[in-house]
Amino acid sequence: MPTPTPNPFPTPAPRPPEASSGLAGRITGMTELVVAVVIYGPDSIIKESARAVPQKDGSWSVPLPPPGSYRVVPVGQGTRPLRCEPHFQTIQVANEALGGLDFRILGTD
């Protein structure tokens, strides 16, 4: 029996969401619970700066906000808190795009 020949063109692994010009990440786990990813700031944890609805593959992105400190939080229906890893992410925005703002959704509180 002949030895199988390796595929000369291996299938690439899925690429992480690119933050070409803004903030971007991916939601995994119980993605159906996520209504939006909310970005609070700048320099405030109660002022909403932006909101993104995740795509079917869990990726999300928003345009780059003004410089400052922001908190990124996935939310459920009616802003219901979600159990996720990490619980939230705090980021410092300068003038560069940021990717890899990922969350794994574990359920509801």
PDB file of N, CA and C in Angstrom:
ATOM      1  N   MET A   1       0.858  -1.173   0.000  1.00  0.00           N
ATOM      2  CA  MET A   1       0.000   0.000   0.000  1.00  0.00           C
ATOM      3  C   MET A   1       0.904   1.236   0.000  1.00  0.00           C
ATOM      4  N   PRO A   2       0.688   2.184  -0.910  1.00  0.00           N
ATOM      5  CA  PRO A   2       1.562   3.354  -0.976  1.00  0.00           C
ATOM      6  C   PRO A   2       1.348   4.286   0.207  1.00  0.00           C
ATOM      7  N   THR A   3       2.417   4.959   0.565  1.00  0.00           N
ATOM      8  CA  THR A   3       2.360   5.943   1.639  1.00  0.00           C
ATOM      9  C   THR A   3       1.655   7.197   1.116  1.00  0.00           C
ATOM     10  N   PRO A   4       0.677   7.751   1.899  1.00  0.00           N
ATOM     11  CA  PRO A   4      -0.005   8.954   1.421  1.00  0.00           C
ATOM     12  C   PRO A   4       0.981  10.117   1.284  1.00  0.00           C
ATOM     13  N   THR A   5       0.794  10.861   0.230  1.00  0.00           N
ATOM     14  CA  THR A   5       1.637  12.030  -0.006  1.00  0.00           C
ATOM     15  C   THR A   5       1.069  13.211   0.773  1.00  0.00           C
ATOM     16  N   PRO A   6       1.919  13.921   1.529  1.00  0.00           N
ATOM     17  CA  PRO A   6       1.403  15.082   2.265  1.00  0.00           C
ATOM     18  C   PRO A   6       0.878  16.132   1.292  1.00  0.00           C
ATOM     19  N   ASN A   7      -0.148  16.818   1.741  1.00  0.00           N
ATOM     20  CA  ASN A   7      -0.744  17.869   0.923  1.00  0.00           C
ATOM     21  C   ASN A   7       0.272  19.003   0.779  1.00  0.00           C
ATOM     22  N   PRO A   8       0.687  19.349  -0.462  1.00  0.00           N
ATOM     23  CA  PRO A   8       1.661  20.429  -0.622  1.00  0.00           C
ATOM     24  C   PRO A   8       1.079  21.803  -0.284  1.00  0.00           C
ATOM     25  N   PHE A   9      -0.242  21.881  -0.194  1.00  0.00           N
ATOM     26  CA  PHE A   9      -0.914  23.135   0.134  1.00  0.00           C
ATOM     27  C   PHE A   9      -1.779  22.924   1.366  1.00  0.00           C
ATOM     28  N   PRO A  10      -1.150  22.908   2.546  1.00  0.00           N
ATOM     29  CA  PRO A  10      -1.937  22.656   3.751  1.00  0.00           C
ATOM     30  C   PRO A  10      -2.991  23.732   3.966  1.00  0.00           C
ATOM     31  N   THR A  11      -4.088  23.305   4.563  1.00  0.00           N
ATOM     32  CA  THR A  11      -5.156  24.247   4.874  1.00  0.00           C
ATOM     33  C   THR A  11      -4.693  25.154   5.996  1.00  0.00           C
ATOM     34  N   PRO A  12      -4.741  26.472   5.776  1.00  0.00           N
ATOM     35  CA  PRO A  12      -4.285  27.372   6.836  1.00  0.00           C
ATOM     36  C   PRO A  12      -5.233  27.357   8.024  1.00  0.00           C
ATOM     37  N   ALA A  13      -4.668  27.589   9.193  1.00  0.00           N
ATOM     38  CA  ALA A  13      -5.494  27.693  10.405  1.00  0.00           C
ATOM     39  C   ALA A  13      -6.322  28.967  10.319  1.00  0.00           C
ATOM     40  N   PRO A  14      -7.494  28.983  10.965  1.00  0.00           N
ATOM     41  CA  PRO A  14      -8.297  30.207  10.931  1.00  0.00           C
ATOM     42  C   PRO A  14      -7.492  31.374  11.496  1.00  0.00           C
ATOM     43  N   ARG A  15      -7.573  32.495  10.805  1.00  0.00           N
ATOM     44  CA  ARG A  15      -6.847  33.680  11.251  1.00  0.00           C
ATOM     45  C   ARG A  15      -7.637  34.406  12.317  1.00  0.00           C
ATOM     46  N   PRO A  16      -6.936  34.982  13.305  1.00  0.00           N
ATOM     47  CA  PRO A  16      -7.642  35.772  14.306  1.00  0.00           C
ATOM     48  C   PRO A  16      -8.186  37.042  13.660  1.00  0.00           C
ATOM     49  N   PRO A  17      -9.221  37.646  14.283  1.00  0.00           N
ATOM     50  CA  PRO A  17      -9.755  38.859  13.705  1.00  0.00           C
ATOM     51  C   PRO A  17      -8.667  39.926  13.617  1.00  0.00           C
ATOM     52  N   GLU A  18      -8.622  40.589  12.500  1.00  0.00           N
ATOM     53  CA  GLU A  18      -7.631  41.636  12.288  1.00  0.00           C
ATOM     54  C   GLU A  18      -8.184  42.968  12.768  1.00  0.00           C
ATOM     55  N   ALA A  19      -7.338  43.720  13.372  1.00  0.00           N
ATOM     56  CA  ALA A  19      -7.705  45.056  13.819  1.00  0.00           C
ATOM     57  C   ALA A  19      -7.020  46.045  12.895  1.00  0.00           C
ATOM     58  N   SER A  20      -7.372  45.982  11.619  1.00  0.00           N
ATOM     59  CA  SER A  20      -6.664  46.786  10.638  1.00  0.00           C
ATOM     60  C   SER A  20      -6.764  48.279  10.914  1.00  0.00           C
ATOM     61  N   SER A  21      -7.898  48.731  11.418  1.00  0.00           N
ATOM     62  CA  SER A  21      -8.026  50.167  11.643  1.00  0.00           C
ATOM     63  C   SER A  21      -8.822  50.489  12.904  1.00  0.00           C
ATOM     64  N   GLY A  22      -9.024  49.504  13.754  1.00  0.00           N
ATOM     65  CA  GLY A  22      -9.810  49.758  14.955  1.00  0.00           C
ATOM     66  C   GLY A  22      -9.544  48.739  16.033  1.00  0.00           C
ATOM     67  N   LEU A  23     -10.594  48.398  16.759  1.00  0.00           N
ATOM     68  CA  LEU A  23     -10.531  47.379  17.805  1.00  0.00           C
ATOM     69  C   LEU A  23     -11.233  46.147  17.274  1.00  0.00           C
ATOM     70  N   ALA A  24     -10.687  44.967  17.556  1.00  0.00           N
ATOM     71  CA  ALA A  24     -11.292  43.750  17.040  1.00  0.00           C
ATOM     72  C   ALA A  24     -11.013  42.577  17.969  1.00  0.00           C
ATOM     73  N   GLY A  25     -11.891  41.586  17.906  1.00  0.00           N
ATOM     74  CA  GLY A  25     -11.729  40.382  18.696  1.00  0.00           C
ATOM     75  C   GLY A  25     -12.648  39.294  18.207  1.00  0.00           C
ATOM     76  N   ARG A  26     -12.729  38.225  19.004  1.00  0.00           N
ATOM     77  CA  ARG A  26     -13.574  37.087  18.640  1.00  0.00           C
ATOM     78  C   ARG A  26     -14.242  36.555  19.898  1.00  0.00           C
ATOM     79  N   ILE A  27     -15.494  36.181  19.757  1.00  0.00           N
ATOM     80  CA  ILE A  27     -16.278  35.557  20.820  1.00  0.00           C
ATOM     81  C   ILE A  27     -16.317  34.057  20.535  1.00  0.00           C
ATOM     82  N   THR A  28     -16.027  33.246  21.563  1.00  0.00           N
ATOM     83  CA  THR A  28     -16.134  31.795  21.433  1.00  0.00           C
ATOM     84  C   THR A  28     -16.971  31.266  22.592  1.00  0.00           C
ATOM     85  N   GLY A  29     -17.246  29.989  22.565  1.00  0.00           N
ATOM     86  CA  GLY A  29     -18.057  29.377  23.627  1.00  0.00           C
ATOM     87  C   GLY A  29     -19.530  29.521  23.299  1.00  0.00           C
ATOM     88  N   MET A  30     -20.308  29.953  24.275  1.00  0.00           N
ATOM     89  CA  MET A  30     -21.765  30.079  24.115  1.00  0.00           C
ATOM     90  C   MET A  30     -22.093  31.410  23.424  1.00  0.00           C
ATOM     91  N   THR A  31     -21.684  31.504  22.166  1.00  0.00           N
ATOM     92  CA  THR A  31     -21.797  32.755  21.409  1.00  0.00           C
ATOM     93  C   THR A  31     -23.225  33.251  21.261  1.00  0.00           C
ATOM     94  N   GLU A  32     -24.185  32.345  21.297  1.00  0.00           N
ATOM     95  CA  GLU A  32     -25.595  32.733  21.116  1.00  0.00           C
ATOM     96  C   GLU A  32     -26.100  33.643  22.234  1.00  0.00           C
ATOM     97  N   LEU A  33     -25.401  33.689  23.356  1.00  0.00           N
ATOM     98  CA  LEU A  33     -25.814  34.535  24.480  1.00  0.00           C
ATOM     99  C   LEU A  33     -25.391  35.996  24.309  1.00  0.00           C
ATOM    100  N   VAL A  34     -24.436  36.249  23.419  1.00  0.00           N
ATOM    101  CA  VAL A  34     -23.881  37.596  23.264  1.00  0.00           C
ATOM    102  C   VAL A  34     -24.723  38.409  22.290  1.00  0.00           C
ATOM    103  N   VAL A  35     -25.219  39.542  22.780  1.00  0.00           N
ATOM    104  CA  VAL A  35     -25.971  40.474  21.939  1.00  0.00           C
ATOM    105  C   VAL A  35     -25.020  41.517  21.350  1.00  0.00           C
ATOM    106  N   ALA A  36     -24.028  41.929  22.150  1.00  0.00           N
ATOM    107  CA  ALA A  36     -23.095  42.961  21.694  1.00  0.00           C
ATOM    108  C   ALA A  36     -21.825  42.926  22.535  1.00  0.00           C
ATOM    109  N   VAL A  37     -20.794  43.524  21.975  1.00  0.00           N
ATOM    110  CA  VAL A  37     -19.575  43.813  22.717  1.00  0.00           C
ATOM    111  C   VAL A  37     -19.592  45.326  22.902  1.00  0.00           C
ATOM    112  N   VAL A  38     -19.543  45.774  24.159  1.00  0.00           N
ATOM    113  CA  VAL A  38     -19.652  47.192  24.465  1.00  0.00           C
ATOM    114  C   VAL A  38     -18.291  47.728  24.879  1.00  0.00           C
ATOM    115  N   ILE A  39     -17.957  48.896  24.345  1.00  0.00           N
ATOM    116  CA  ILE A  39     -16.708  49.568  24.680  1.00  0.00           C
ATOM    117  C   ILE A  39     -17.072  50.807  25.487  1.00  0.00           C
ATOM    118  N   TYR A  40     -16.619  50.837  26.752  1.00  0.00           N
ATOM    119  CA  TYR A  40     -16.885  51.964  27.645  1.00  0.00           C
ATOM    120  C   TYR A  40     -15.650  52.849  27.709  1.00  0.00           C
ATOM    121  N   GLY A  41     -15.864  54.164  27.676  1.00  0.00           N
ATOM    122  CA  GLY A  41     -14.758  55.104  27.786  1.00  0.00           C
ATOM    123  C   GLY A  41     -14.971  56.281  26.858  1.00  0.00           C
ATOM    124  N   PRO A  42     -13.964  57.109  26.675  1.00  0.00           N
ATOM    125  CA  PRO A  42     -12.634  56.994  27.256  1.00  0.00           C
ATOM    126  C   PRO A  42     -12.623  57.418  28.720  1.00  0.00           C
ATOM    127  N   ASP A  43     -11.795  56.753  29.457  1.00  0.00           N
ATOM    128  CA  ASP A  43     -11.554  57.080  30.864  1.00  0.00           C
ATOM    129  C   ASP A  43     -12.828  57.084  31.699  1.00  0.00           C
ATOM    130  N   SER A  44     -13.762  56.187  31.370  1.00  0.00           N
ATOM    131  CA  SER A  44     -15.018  56.063  32.105  1.00  0.00           C
ATOM    132  C   SER A  44     -15.526  54.639  31.948  1.00  0.00           C
ATOM    133  N   ILE A  45     -16.037  54.058  33.036  1.00  0.00           N
ATOM    134  CA  ILE A  45     -16.593  52.703  32.928  1.00  0.00           C
ATOM    135  C   ILE A  45     -18.113  52.739  32.823  1.00  0.00           C
ATOM    136  N   ILE A  46     -18.705  53.941  32.685  1.00  0.00           N
ATOM    137  CA  ILE A  46     -20.155  54.020  32.533  1.00  0.00           C
ATOM    138  C   ILE A  46     -20.585  54.694  31.230  1.00  0.00           C
ATOM    139  N   LYS A  47     -19.680  55.405  30.566  1.00  0.00           N
ATOM    140  CA  LYS A  47     -20.008  56.072  29.312  1.00  0.00           C
ATOM    141  C   LYS A  47     -19.720  55.122  28.147  1.00  0.00           C
ATOM    142  N   GLU A  48     -20.760  54.803  27.380  1.00  0.00           N
ATOM    143  CA  GLU A  48     -20.581  53.895  26.251  1.00  0.00           C
ATOM    144  C   GLU A  48     -19.995  54.652  25.065  1.00  0.00           C
ATOM    145  N   SER A  49     -18.882  54.146  24.561  1.00  0.00           N
ATOM    146  CA  SER A  49     -18.206  54.759  23.425  1.00  0.00           C
ATOM    147  C   SER A  49     -18.602  54.100  22.112  1.00  0.00           C
ATOM    148  N   ALA A  50     -18.745  52.765  22.128  1.00  0.00           N
ATOM    149  CA  ALA A  50     -19.076  52.017  20.909  1.00  0.00           C
ATOM    150  C   ALA A  50     -19.701  50.693  21.288  1.00  0.00           C
ATOM    151  N   ARG A  51     -20.336  50.095  20.282  1.00  0.00           N
ATOM    152  CA  ARG A  51     -21.005  48.809  20.468  1.00  0.00           C
ATOM    153  C   ARG A  51     -20.874  48.042  19.161  1.00  0.00           C
ATOM    154  N   ALA A  52     -20.546  46.751  19.264  1.00  0.00           N
ATOM    155  CA  ALA A  52     -20.409  45.907  18.076  1.00  0.00           C
ATOM    156  C   ALA A  52     -21.244  44.647  18.244  1.00  0.00           C
ATOM    157  N   VAL A  53     -21.954  44.281  17.192  1.00  0.00           N
ATOM    158  CA  VAL A  53     -22.693  43.022  17.171  1.00  0.00           C
ATOM    159  C   VAL A  53     -21.775  41.987  16.536  1.00  0.00           C
ATOM    160  N   PRO A  54     -21.484  40.892  17.252  1.00  0.00           N
ATOM    161  CA  PRO A  54     -20.585  39.879  16.685  1.00  0.00           C
ATOM    162  C   PRO A  54     -21.171  39.247  15.421  1.00  0.00           C
ATOM    163  N   GLN A  55     -20.297  38.916  14.490  1.00  0.00           N
ATOM    164  CA  GLN A  55     -20.684  38.206  13.270  1.00  0.00           C
ATOM    165  C   GLN A  55     -20.977  36.745  13.619  1.00  0.00           C
ATOM    166  N   LYS A  56     -21.492  35.991  12.673  1.00  0.00           N
ATOM    167  CA  LYS A  56     -21.827  34.581  12.916  1.00  0.00           C
ATOM    168  C   LYS A  56     -20.608  33.763  13.363  1.00  0.00           C
ATOM    169  N   ASP A  57     -19.413  34.136  12.903  1.00  0.00           N
ATOM    170  CA  ASP A  57     -18.201  33.413  13.296  1.00  0.00           C
ATOM    171  C   ASP A  57     -17.636  33.887  14.626  1.00  0.00           C
ATOM    172  N   GLY A  58     -18.317  34.853  15.278  1.00  0.00           N
ATOM    173  CA  GLY A  58     -17.883  35.359  16.562  1.00  0.00           C
ATOM    174  C   GLY A  58     -16.979  36.572  16.489  1.00  0.00           C
ATOM    175  N   SER A  59     -16.545  36.940  15.291  1.00  0.00           N
ATOM    176  CA  SER A  59     -15.664  38.097  15.171  1.00  0.00           C
ATOM    177  C   SER A  59     -16.453  39.388  15.340  1.00  0.00           C
ATOM    178  N   TRP A  60     -15.783  40.393  15.845  1.00  0.00           N
ATOM    179  CA  TRP A  60     -16.396  41.708  16.008  1.00  0.00           C
ATOM    180  C   TRP A  60     -15.317  42.771  15.818  1.00  0.00           C
ATOM    181  N   SER A  61     -15.743  43.972  15.454  1.00  0.00           N
ATOM    182  CA  SER A  61     -14.799  45.078  15.320  1.00  0.00           C
ATOM    183  C   SER A  61     -15.550  46.396  15.396  1.00  0.00           C
ATOM    184  N   VAL A  62     -14.832  47.431  15.804  1.00  0.00           N
ATOM    185  CA  VAL A  62     -15.341  48.802  15.837  1.00  0.00           C
ATOM    186  C   VAL A  62     -14.222  49.716  15.356  1.00  0.00           C
ATOM    187  N   PRO A  63     -14.576  50.887  14.830  1.00  0.00           N
ATOM    188  CA  PRO A  63     -13.533  51.841  14.451  1.00  0.00           C
ATOM    189  C   PRO A  63     -12.711  52.256  15.671  1.00  0.00           C
ATOM    190  N   LEU A  64     -11.494  52.691  15.419  1.00  0.00           N
ATOM    191  CA  LEU A  64     -10.605  53.106  16.503  1.00  0.00           C
ATOM    192  C   LEU A  64     -11.175  54.341  17.197  1.00  0.00           C
ATOM    193  N   PRO A  65     -11.407  54.245  18.512  1.00  0.00           N
ATOM    194  CA  PRO A  65     -11.921  55.401  19.250  1.00  0.00           C
ATOM    195  C   PRO A  65     -10.792  56.386  19.566  1.00  0.00           C
ATOM    196  N   PRO A  66     -11.148  57.562  20.084  1.00  0.00           N
ATOM    197  CA  PRO A  66     -10.118  58.527  20.483  1.00  0.00           C
ATOM    198  C   PRO A  66      -9.206  57.940  21.569  1.00  0.00           C
ATOM    199  N   PRO A  67      -7.990  58.470  21.703  1.00  0.00           N
ATOM    200  CA  PRO A  67      -7.065  57.967  22.726  1.00  0.00           C
ATOM    201  C   PRO A  67      -7.665  58.012  24.127  1.00  0.00           C
ATOM    202  N   GLY A  68      -7.289  57.042  24.936  1.00  0.00           N
ATOM    203  CA  GLY A  68      -7.752  56.971  26.318  1.00  0.00           C
ATOM    204  C   GLY A  68      -7.819  55.545  26.788  1.00  0.00           C
ATOM    205  N   SER A  69      -8.323  55.363  27.999  1.00  0.00           N
ATOM    206  CA  SER A  69      -8.489  54.054  28.601  1.00  0.00           C
ATOM    207  C   SER A  69      -9.933  53.591  28.383  1.00  0.00           C
ATOM    208  N   TYR A  70     -10.106  52.333  27.978  1.00  0.00           N
ATOM    209  CA  TYR A  70     -11.429  51.785  27.672  1.00  0.00           C
ATOM    210  C   TYR A  70     -11.604  50.439  28.349  1.00  0.00           C
ATOM    211  N   ARG A  71     -12.853  50.099  28.607  1.00  0.00           N
ATOM    212  CA  ARG A  71     -13.202  48.780  29.119  1.00  0.00           C
ATOM    213  C   ARG A  71     -14.065  48.100  28.054  1.00  0.00           C
ATOM    214  N   VAL A  72     -13.717  46.868  27.708  1.00  0.00           N
ATOM    215  CA  VAL A  72     -14.418  46.093  26.688  1.00  0.00           C
ATOM    216  C   VAL A  72     -15.149  44.961  27.389  1.00  0.00           C
ATOM    217  N   VAL A  73     -16.487  44.866  27.153  1.00  0.00           N
ATOM    218  CA  VAL A  73     -17.319  43.911  27.879  1.00  0.00           C
ATOM    219  C   VAL A  73     -18.352  43.287  26.926  1.00  0.00           C
ATOM    220  N   PRO A  74     -18.434  41.959  26.851  1.00  0.00           N
ATOM    221  CA  PRO A  74     -19.536  41.340  26.112  1.00  0.00           C
ATOM    222  C   PRO A  74     -20.792  41.359  26.985  1.00  0.00           C
ATOM    223  N   VAL A  75     -21.945  41.639  26.379  1.00  0.00           N
ATOM    224  CA  VAL A  75     -23.200  41.685  27.136  1.00  0.00           C
ATOM    225  C   VAL A  75     -24.260  40.817  26.456  1.00  0.00           C
ATOM    226  N   GLY A  76     -25.212  40.371  27.283  1.00  0.00           N
ATOM    227  CA  GLY A  76     -26.317  39.572  26.791  1.00  0.00           C
ATOM    228  C   GLY A  76     -27.563  40.424  26.591  1.00  0.00           C
ATOM    229  N   GLN A  77     -28.681  39.768  26.369  1.00  0.00           N
ATOM    230  CA  GLN A  77     -29.959  40.441  26.155  1.00  0.00           C
ATOM    231  C   GLN A  77     -30.265  41.394  27.303  1.00  0.00           C
ATOM    232  N   GLY A  78     -30.634  42.630  26.997  1.00  0.00           N
ATOM    233  CA  GLY A  78     -30.946  43.613  28.027  1.00  0.00           C
ATOM    234  C   GLY A  78     -29.749  43.970  28.874  1.00  0.00           C
ATOM    235  N   THR A  79     -28.560  43.931  28.293  1.00  0.00           N
ATOM    236  CA  THR A  79     -27.271  44.150  28.973  1.00  0.00           C
ATOM    237  C   THR A  79     -27.047  43.164  30.120  1.00  0.00           C
ATOM    238  N   ARG A  80     -27.633  41.990  30.011  1.00  0.00           N
ATOM    239  CA  ARG A  80     -27.459  40.944  31.017  1.00  0.00           C
ATOM    240  C   ARG A  80     -25.993  40.551  31.123  1.00  0.00           C
ATOM    241  N   PRO A  81     -25.467  40.497  32.353  1.00  0.00           N
ATOM    242  CA  PRO A  81     -24.066  40.083  32.516  1.00  0.00           C
ATOM    243  C   PRO A  81     -23.868  38.642  32.063  1.00  0.00           C
ATOM    244  N   LEU A  82     -22.708  38.375  31.511  1.00  0.00           N
ATOM    245  CA  LEU A  82     -22.365  37.032  31.063  1.00  0.00           C
ATOM    246  C   LEU A  82     -21.149  36.545  31.838  1.00  0.00           C
ATOM    247  N   ARG A  83     -21.135  35.247  32.105  1.00  0.00           N
ATOM    248  CA  ARG A  83     -19.936  34.634  32.674  1.00  0.00           C
ATOM    249  C   ARG A  83     -18.987  34.395  31.516  1.00  0.00           C
ATOM    250  N   CYS A  84     -17.826  35.018  31.575  1.00  0.00           N
ATOM    251  CA  CYS A  84     -16.888  34.867  30.474  1.00  0.00           C
ATOM    252  C   CYS A  84     -15.446  34.976  30.968  1.00  0.00           C
ATOM    253  N   GLU A  85     -14.536  34.510  30.139  1.00  0.00           N
ATOM    254  CA  GLU A  85     -13.102  34.605  30.407  1.00  0.00           C
ATOM    255  C   GLU A  85     -12.480  35.420  29.303  1.00  0.00           C
ATOM    256  N   PRO A  86     -11.840  36.515  29.594  1.00  0.00           N
ATOM    257  CA  PRO A  86     -11.850  37.223  30.862  1.00  0.00           C
ATOM    258  C   PRO A  86     -13.201  37.892  31.103  1.00  0.00           C
ATOM    259  N   HIS A  87     -13.432  38.398  32.316  1.00  0.00           N
ATOM    260  CA  HIS A  87     -14.698  39.063  32.638  1.00  0.00           C
ATOM    261  C   HIS A  87     -14.859  40.333  31.821  1.00  0.00           C
ATOM    262  N   PHE A  88     -13.769  41.039  31.610  1.00  0.00           N
ATOM    263  CA  PHE A  88     -13.721  42.247  30.788  1.00  0.00           C
ATOM    264  C   PHE A  88     -12.266  42.478  30.433  1.00  0.00           C
ATOM    265  N   GLN A  89     -12.018  43.407  29.522  1.00  0.00           N
ATOM    266  CA  GLN A  89     -10.649  43.774  29.194  1.00  0.00           C
ATOM    267  C   GLN A  89     -10.525  45.286  29.289  1.00  0.00           C
ATOM    268  N   THR A  90      -9.456  45.734  29.917  1.00  0.00           N
ATOM    269  CA  THR A  90      -9.160  47.154  29.971  1.00  0.00           C
ATOM    270  C   THR A  90      -8.011  47.405  29.003  1.00  0.00           C
ATOM    271  N   ILE A  91      -8.212  48.360  28.113  1.00  0.00           N
ATOM    272  CA  ILE A  91      -7.199  48.636  27.095  1.00  0.00           C
ATOM    273  C   ILE A  91      -6.850  50.118  27.094  1.00  0.00           C
ATOM    274  N   GLN A  92      -5.668  50.409  26.629  1.00  0.00           N
ATOM    275  CA  GLN A  92      -5.219  51.784  26.459  1.00  0.00           C
ATOM    276  C   GLN A  92      -5.117  52.022  24.962  1.00  0.00           C
ATOM    277  N   VAL A  93      -5.923  52.934  24.448  1.00  0.00           N
ATOM    278  CA  VAL A  93      -5.916  53.247  23.023  1.00  0.00           C
ATOM    279  C   VAL A  93      -5.027  54.453  22.792  1.00  0.00           C
ATOM    280  N   ALA A  94      -4.117  54.323  21.845  1.00  0.00           N
ATOM    281  CA  ALA A  94      -3.293  55.458  21.415  1.00  0.00           C
ATOM    282  C   ALA A  94      -3.734  55.763  19.989  1.00  0.00           C
ATOM    283  N   ASN A  95      -2.874  55.554  19.050  1.00  0.00           N
ATOM    284  CA  ASN A  95      -3.233  55.786  17.642  1.00  0.00           C
ATOM    285  C   ASN A  95      -3.028  54.536  16.809  1.00  0.00           C
ATOM    286  N   GLU A  96      -3.032  53.372  17.453  1.00  0.00           N
ATOM    287  CA  GLU A  96      -2.818  52.117  16.755  1.00  0.00           C
ATOM    288  C   GLU A  96      -3.981  51.175  16.972  1.00  0.00           C
ATOM    289  N   ALA A  97      -4.297  50.389  15.948  1.00  0.00           N
ATOM    290  CA  ALA A  97      -5.348  49.390  16.037  1.00  0.00           C
ATOM    291  C   ALA A  97      -4.964  48.315  17.049  1.00  0.00           C
ATOM    292  N   LEU A  98      -5.968  47.714  17.673  1.00  0.00           N
ATOM    293  CA  LEU A  98      -5.749  46.635  18.638  1.00  0.00           C
ATOM    294  C   LEU A  98      -6.620  45.445  18.267  1.00  0.00           C
ATOM    295  N   GLY A  99      -6.010  44.284  18.144  1.00  0.00           N
ATOM    296  CA  GLY A  99      -6.743  43.051  17.889  1.00  0.00           C
ATOM    297  C   GLY A  99      -6.585  42.110  19.062  1.00  0.00           C
ATOM    298  N   GLY A 100      -7.162  40.926  18.941  1.00  0.00           N
ATOM    299  CA  GLY A 100      -7.019  39.928  19.987  1.00  0.00           C
ATOM    300  C   GLY A 100      -7.829  40.198  21.233  1.00  0.00           C
ATOM    301  N   LEU A 101      -8.867  41.028  21.106  1.00  0.00           N
ATOM    302  CA  LEU A 101      -9.741  41.309  22.260  1.00  0.00           C
ATOM    303  C   LEU A 101     -10.812  40.226  22.301  1.00  0.00           C
ATOM    304  N   ASP A 102     -10.391  39.047  22.714  1.00  0.00           N
ATOM    305  CA  ASP A 102     -11.216  37.840  22.648  1.00  0.00           C
ATOM    306  C   ASP A 102     -11.852  37.511  23.990  1.00  0.00           C
ATOM    307  N   PHE A 103     -13.019  36.864  23.902  1.00  0.00           N
ATOM    308  CA  PHE A 103     -13.750  36.418  25.089  1.00  0.00           C
ATOM    309  C   PHE A 103     -14.293  35.022  24.845  1.00  0.00           C
ATOM    310  N   ARG A 104     -14.266  34.197  25.889  1.00  0.00           N
ATOM    311  CA  ARG A 104     -14.903  32.880  25.833  1.00  0.00           C
ATOM    312  C   ARG A 104     -16.111  32.943  26.762  1.00  0.00           C
ATOM    313  N   ILE A 105     -17.294  32.743  26.210  1.00  0.00           N
ATOM    314  CA  ILE A 105     -18.538  32.857  26.962  1.00  0.00           C
ATOM    315  C   ILE A 105     -18.860  31.510  27.598  1.00  0.00           C
ATOM    316  N   LEU A 106     -19.043  31.535  28.932  1.00  0.00           N
ATOM    317  CA  LEU A 106     -19.287  30.307  29.701  1.00  0.00           C
ATOM    318  C   LEU A 106     -20.746  30.131  30.066  1.00  0.00           C
ATOM    319  N   GLY A 107     -21.541  31.201  30.030  1.00  0.00           N
ATOM    320  CA  GLY A 107     -22.956  31.130  30.397  1.00  0.00           C
ATOM    321  C   GLY A 107     -23.434  32.455  30.956  1.00  0.00           C
ATOM    322  N   THR A 108     -24.566  32.417  31.632  1.00  0.00           N
ATOM    323  CA  THR A 108     -25.097  33.625  32.266  1.00  0.00           C
ATOM    324  C   THR A 108     -24.883  33.529  33.765  1.00  0.00           C
ATOM    325  N   ASP A 109     -24.876  34.670  34.425  1.00  0.00           N
ATOM    326  CA  ASP A 109     -24.714  34.679  35.892  1.00  0.00           C
ATOM    327  C   ASP A 109     -25.965  34.243  36.583  1.00  0.00           C
TER     328      ASP A 109
END
